[in-house]
Amino acid sequence: MQFVLFICTDPTGEPYDESADDVEAWFTTLQEQGRHLAGDRLRPVEDAVTVRVRGGDRLVTDGPFAETREWIAGFDLVEAADRDEAVAIAAAHPMARFGRIEVRAVWPL
């Protein structure tokens, strides 16, 4: 199964520790296991736009869809046997300690 991990900031998380929070080691491990399918960082929320169409009119507003102190900082698409394994993969990501990670199964069309 494929899962998207939304990598999110969290102002209540533990402080970032450069020596312990090595995202590249996490990434390399998943790459070697063939479980990391795609992923990247995202530009800051200040660069985001939200697009809606209402009554045939396209509405584009600056910023994310919600005003919050947290935001999606990146994403990873991983392969896992089930949700429990996807949660274990997410828990090993350094951002799980100083941010938060939303795990969602891909729902193919």
N, C-alpha and C. Protein backbone atom coordinates (compact mmCIF):
# COMPACT_ATOMS: atom_id res chain seq x y z
N MET A 1 0.84 -1.18 0.00
CA MET A 1 0.00 0.00 0.00
C MET A 1 0.88 1.24 0.00
N GLN A 2 0.37 2.29 -0.60
CA GLN A 2 1.09 3.56 -0.58
C GLN A 2 0.45 4.50 0.44
N PHE A 3 1.32 5.24 1.12
CA PHE A 3 0.89 6.21 2.12
C PHE A 3 1.60 7.53 1.88
N VAL A 4 0.86 8.62 2.04
CA VAL A 4 1.47 9.95 2.02
C VAL A 4 1.70 10.36 3.46
N LEU A 5 2.91 10.81 3.73
CA LEU A 5 3.24 11.36 5.04
C LEU A 5 3.32 12.87 4.86
N PHE A 6 2.39 13.59 5.48
CA PHE A 6 2.44 15.05 5.45
C PHE A 6 3.32 15.50 6.61
N ILE A 7 4.42 16.12 6.27
CA ILE A 7 5.40 16.55 7.26
C ILE A 7 5.02 17.96 7.69
N CYS A 8 4.64 18.11 8.95
CA CYS A 8 4.07 19.37 9.42
C CYS A 8 4.90 19.98 10.55
N THR A 9 4.87 21.28 10.61
CA THR A 9 5.49 21.97 11.74
C THR A 9 4.58 21.84 12.95
N ASP A 10 5.14 22.05 14.12
CA ASP A 10 4.36 22.01 15.36
C ASP A 10 5.08 22.84 16.41
N PRO A 11 4.55 24.02 16.75
CA PRO A 11 5.24 24.88 17.71
C PRO A 11 5.36 24.27 19.10
N THR A 12 4.61 23.18 19.39
CA THR A 12 4.71 22.55 20.70
C THR A 12 5.70 21.38 20.71
N GLY A 13 6.33 21.11 19.55
CA GLY A 13 7.28 20.00 19.46
C GLY A 13 8.57 20.29 20.21
N GLU A 14 9.38 19.24 20.35
CA GLU A 14 10.69 19.39 20.99
C GLU A 14 11.59 20.24 20.10
N PRO A 15 12.63 20.83 20.66
CA PRO A 15 13.53 21.65 19.85
C PRO A 15 14.28 20.81 18.81
N TYR A 16 14.54 21.40 17.68
CA TYR A 16 15.32 20.76 16.62
C TYR A 16 16.75 20.59 17.11
N ASP A 17 17.32 19.41 16.89
CA ASP A 17 18.69 19.09 17.27
C ASP A 17 19.41 18.61 16.02
N GLU A 18 20.24 19.45 15.47
CA GLU A 18 20.90 19.14 14.19
C GLU A 18 21.67 17.83 14.24
N SER A 19 22.28 17.51 15.38
CA SER A 19 23.09 16.29 15.47
C SER A 19 22.22 15.03 15.55
N ALA A 20 21.00 15.14 16.04
CA ALA A 20 20.14 13.96 16.20
C ALA A 20 19.05 13.86 15.13
N ASP A 21 18.69 14.96 14.54
CA ASP A 21 17.57 14.98 13.60
C ASP A 21 18.06 14.94 12.16
N ASP A 22 18.55 13.76 11.76
CA ASP A 22 19.15 13.57 10.44
C ASP A 22 18.13 12.97 9.47
N VAL A 23 17.45 13.84 8.77
CA VAL A 23 16.43 13.39 7.82
C VAL A 23 17.06 12.58 6.69
N GLU A 24 18.28 12.91 6.31
CA GLU A 24 18.92 12.18 5.22
C GLU A 24 19.15 10.72 5.58
N ALA A 25 19.46 10.42 6.84
CA ALA A 25 19.64 9.02 7.27
C ALA A 25 18.32 8.27 7.16
N TRP A 26 17.22 8.91 7.59
CA TRP A 26 15.89 8.31 7.48
C TRP A 26 15.58 8.03 6.02
N PHE A 27 15.81 9.03 5.17
CA PHE A 27 15.54 8.92 3.74
C PHE A 27 16.37 7.80 3.11
N THR A 28 17.67 7.76 3.43
CA THR A 28 18.57 6.75 2.86
C THR A 28 18.13 5.34 3.24
N THR A 29 17.74 5.14 4.48
CA THR A 29 17.26 3.84 4.92
C THR A 29 16.05 3.40 4.11
N LEU A 30 15.08 4.29 3.93
CA LEU A 30 13.89 3.94 3.15
C LEU A 30 14.23 3.71 1.68
N GLN A 31 15.16 4.50 1.14
CA GLN A 31 15.58 4.31 -0.26
C GLN A 31 16.17 2.91 -0.43
N GLU A 32 17.05 2.52 0.49
CA GLU A 32 17.70 1.21 0.40
C GLU A 32 16.69 0.08 0.50
N GLN A 33 15.61 0.28 1.24
CA GLN A 33 14.56 -0.73 1.39
C GLN A 33 13.54 -0.69 0.24
N GLY A 34 13.67 0.30 -0.65
CA GLY A 34 12.73 0.45 -1.75
C GLY A 34 11.37 0.94 -1.31
N ARG A 35 11.29 1.58 -0.15
CA ARG A 35 10.00 2.03 0.39
C ARG A 35 9.71 3.51 0.12
N HIS A 36 10.73 4.31 -0.18
CA HIS A 36 10.51 5.74 -0.45
C HIS A 36 10.26 5.92 -1.93
N LEU A 37 9.07 6.39 -2.29
CA LEU A 37 8.68 6.52 -3.69
C LEU A 37 8.84 7.94 -4.22
N ALA A 38 8.60 8.93 -3.36
CA ALA A 38 8.72 10.34 -3.76
C ALA A 38 8.66 11.18 -2.50
N GLY A 39 9.03 12.43 -2.64
CA GLY A 39 8.92 13.34 -1.51
C GLY A 39 9.84 14.53 -1.68
N ASP A 40 9.51 15.58 -0.95
CA ASP A 40 10.32 16.79 -1.00
C ASP A 40 9.82 17.79 0.02
N ARG A 41 10.62 18.82 0.22
CA ARG A 41 10.19 19.95 1.04
C ARG A 41 9.24 20.80 0.22
N LEU A 42 8.48 21.64 0.89
CA LEU A 42 7.59 22.58 0.21
C LEU A 42 8.04 24.00 0.53
N ARG A 43 7.80 24.90 -0.39
CA ARG A 43 8.10 26.32 -0.16
C ARG A 43 7.29 26.81 1.02
N PRO A 44 7.71 27.91 1.66
CA PRO A 44 6.98 28.43 2.82
C PRO A 44 5.54 28.82 2.49
N VAL A 45 4.71 28.87 3.53
CA VAL A 45 3.29 29.20 3.33
C VAL A 45 3.10 30.56 2.70
N GLU A 46 4.06 31.46 2.89
CA GLU A 46 3.96 32.79 2.27
C GLU A 46 3.94 32.72 0.75
N ASP A 47 4.45 31.61 0.19
CA ASP A 47 4.48 31.43 -1.26
C ASP A 47 3.25 30.69 -1.79
N ALA A 48 2.39 30.24 -0.89
CA ALA A 48 1.23 29.44 -1.29
C ALA A 48 0.10 30.31 -1.83
N VAL A 49 -0.72 29.70 -2.66
CA VAL A 49 -2.00 30.30 -3.07
C VAL A 49 -3.06 29.22 -2.91
N THR A 50 -4.27 29.65 -2.69
CA THR A 50 -5.41 28.75 -2.61
C THR A 50 -6.34 29.05 -3.78
N VAL A 51 -6.76 28.00 -4.48
CA VAL A 51 -7.59 28.16 -5.68
C VAL A 51 -8.95 27.52 -5.42
N ARG A 52 -9.99 28.27 -5.75
CA ARG A 52 -11.38 27.77 -5.69
C ARG A 52 -12.09 28.22 -6.95
N VAL A 53 -13.11 27.50 -7.33
CA VAL A 53 -13.99 27.93 -8.42
C VAL A 53 -15.39 27.96 -7.84
N ARG A 54 -16.02 29.14 -7.91
CA ARG A 54 -17.37 29.32 -7.39
C ARG A 54 -18.20 30.04 -8.45
N GLY A 55 -19.30 29.43 -8.82
CA GLY A 55 -20.17 30.03 -9.84
C GLY A 55 -19.45 30.25 -11.15
N GLY A 56 -18.48 29.38 -11.47
CA GLY A 56 -17.73 29.50 -12.71
C GLY A 56 -16.57 30.48 -12.64
N ASP A 57 -16.43 31.21 -11.53
CA ASP A 57 -15.33 32.17 -11.38
C ASP A 57 -14.19 31.53 -10.61
N ARG A 58 -12.99 31.75 -11.12
CA ARG A 58 -11.80 31.26 -10.43
C ARG A 58 -11.37 32.28 -9.39
N LEU A 59 -11.25 31.84 -8.16
CA LEU A 59 -10.83 32.70 -7.06
C LEU A 59 -9.47 32.23 -6.56
N VAL A 60 -8.49 33.09 -6.58
CA VAL A 60 -7.14 32.77 -6.13
C VAL A 60 -6.80 33.72 -4.99
N THR A 61 -6.46 33.15 -3.84
CA THR A 61 -6.09 33.98 -2.69
C THR A 61 -4.69 33.60 -2.25
N ASP A 62 -3.97 34.57 -1.74
CA ASP A 62 -2.62 34.32 -1.24
C ASP A 62 -2.69 33.53 0.05
N GLY A 63 -1.72 32.64 0.23
CA GLY A 63 -1.60 31.91 1.48
C GLY A 63 -2.28 30.56 1.46
N PRO A 64 -2.11 29.82 2.56
CA PRO A 64 -2.71 28.49 2.66
C PRO A 64 -4.21 28.58 2.87
N PHE A 65 -4.88 27.43 2.81
CA PHE A 65 -6.34 27.41 2.93
C PHE A 65 -6.80 27.71 4.35
N ALA A 66 -5.93 27.57 5.34
CA ALA A 66 -6.32 27.82 6.73
C ALA A 66 -5.27 28.67 7.42
N GLU A 67 -5.70 29.52 8.30
CA GLU A 67 -4.79 30.33 9.11
C GLU A 67 -4.46 29.56 10.38
N THR A 68 -3.25 29.00 10.45
CA THR A 68 -2.84 28.26 11.64
C THR A 68 -1.38 28.54 11.93
N ARG A 69 -0.94 28.13 13.09
CA ARG A 69 0.47 28.27 13.44
C ARG A 69 1.27 27.10 12.89
N GLU A 70 0.59 26.04 12.49
CA GLU A 70 1.25 24.88 11.89
C GLU A 70 1.03 24.91 10.38
N TRP A 71 1.95 24.31 9.64
CA TRP A 71 1.77 24.22 8.20
C TRP A 71 2.48 22.98 7.69
N ILE A 72 2.10 22.56 6.49
CA ILE A 72 2.74 21.41 5.85
C ILE A 72 4.07 21.88 5.28
N ALA A 73 5.14 21.27 5.76
CA ALA A 73 6.49 21.66 5.34
C ALA A 73 7.02 20.77 4.23
N GLY A 74 6.42 19.60 4.05
CA GLY A 74 6.88 18.69 3.01
C GLY A 74 6.00 17.45 2.99
N PHE A 75 6.39 16.49 2.16
CA PHE A 75 5.62 15.26 2.05
C PHE A 75 6.55 14.13 1.63
N ASP A 76 6.15 12.93 1.95
CA ASP A 76 6.84 11.73 1.48
C ASP A 76 5.78 10.72 1.08
N LEU A 77 6.02 10.04 -0.02
CA LEU A 77 5.17 8.95 -0.47
C LEU A 77 5.96 7.68 -0.21
N VAL A 78 5.40 6.80 0.63
CA VAL A 78 6.11 5.58 1.01
C VAL A 78 5.27 4.36 0.73
N GLU A 79 5.94 3.24 0.61
CA GLU A 79 5.30 1.94 0.44
C GLU A 79 5.37 1.23 1.78
N ALA A 80 4.23 0.72 2.25
CA ALA A 80 4.18 -0.02 3.51
C ALA A 80 3.15 -1.13 3.38
N ALA A 81 3.33 -2.17 4.17
CA ALA A 81 2.41 -3.31 4.12
C ALA A 81 1.02 -2.92 4.61
N ASP A 82 0.97 -2.03 5.62
CA ASP A 82 -0.31 -1.63 6.19
C ASP A 82 -0.11 -0.33 6.96
N ARG A 83 -1.19 0.14 7.58
CA ARG A 83 -1.12 1.42 8.31
C ARG A 83 -0.14 1.36 9.47
N ASP A 84 -0.10 0.24 10.18
CA ASP A 84 0.82 0.12 11.31
C ASP A 84 2.26 0.30 10.86
N GLU A 85 2.61 -0.30 9.74
CA GLU A 85 3.97 -0.14 9.23
C GLU A 85 4.23 1.30 8.78
N ALA A 86 3.23 1.94 8.17
CA ALA A 86 3.37 3.34 7.76
C ALA A 86 3.56 4.24 8.98
N VAL A 87 2.85 3.95 10.06
CA VAL A 87 3.01 4.72 11.30
C VAL A 87 4.42 4.53 11.85
N ALA A 88 4.95 3.31 11.80
CA ALA A 88 6.32 3.06 12.27
C ALA A 88 7.33 3.83 11.42
N ILE A 89 7.11 3.89 10.11
CA ILE A 89 7.99 4.66 9.23
C ILE A 89 7.93 6.14 9.59
N ALA A 90 6.71 6.63 9.82
CA ALA A 90 6.54 8.05 10.18
C ALA A 90 7.19 8.34 11.53
N ALA A 91 7.05 7.44 12.49
CA ALA A 91 7.62 7.65 13.82
C ALA A 91 9.14 7.71 13.78
N ALA A 92 9.76 7.08 12.80
CA ALA A 92 11.22 7.11 12.67
C ALA A 92 11.71 8.40 12.03
N HIS A 93 10.82 9.17 11.43
CA HIS A 93 11.21 10.44 10.79
C HIS A 93 11.54 11.46 11.88
N PRO A 94 12.67 12.17 11.78
CA PRO A 94 13.03 13.15 12.81
C PRO A 94 11.95 14.21 13.05
N MET A 95 11.19 14.55 12.05
CA MET A 95 10.17 15.59 12.21
C MET A 95 9.06 15.13 13.14
N ALA A 96 8.92 13.83 13.37
CA ALA A 96 7.91 13.34 14.31
C ALA A 96 8.21 13.82 15.73
N ARG A 97 9.49 14.12 16.02
CA ARG A 97 9.88 14.58 17.34
C ARG A 97 9.70 16.08 17.50
N PHE A 98 10.09 16.85 16.50
CA PHE A 98 9.99 18.31 16.65
C PHE A 98 8.89 18.93 15.80
N GLY A 99 8.16 18.09 15.09
CA GLY A 99 6.99 18.54 14.33
C GLY A 99 5.88 17.52 14.52
N ARG A 100 5.19 17.20 13.45
CA ARG A 100 4.18 16.15 13.48
C ARG A 100 4.02 15.61 12.07
N ILE A 101 3.54 14.41 11.97
CA ILE A 101 3.38 13.78 10.66
C ILE A 101 1.99 13.18 10.56
N GLU A 102 1.27 13.60 9.54
CA GLU A 102 -0.04 13.02 9.25
C GLU A 102 0.17 11.89 8.26
N VAL A 103 -0.36 10.72 8.56
CA VAL A 103 -0.21 9.54 7.71
C VAL A 103 -1.56 9.28 7.07
N ARG A 104 -1.55 9.21 5.72
CA ARG A 104 -2.80 8.94 5.00
C ARG A 104 -2.57 7.95 3.87
N ALA A 105 -3.41 6.94 3.83
CA ALA A 105 -3.34 5.97 2.74
C ALA A 105 -3.76 6.62 1.43
N VAL A 106 -3.10 6.24 0.36
CA VAL A 106 -3.49 6.71 -0.97
C VAL A 106 -4.74 5.92 -1.36
N TRP A 107 -5.69 6.62 -1.92
CA TRP A 107 -6.96 6.03 -2.31
C TRP A 107 -7.04 6.07 -3.84
N PRO A 108 -6.56 5.02 -4.52
CA PRO A 108 -6.50 5.06 -5.99
C PRO A 108 -7.88 5.24 -6.61
N LEU A 109 -7.89 5.91 -7.75
CA LEU A 109 -9.14 6.09 -8.51
C LEU A 109 -9.56 4.79 -9.15
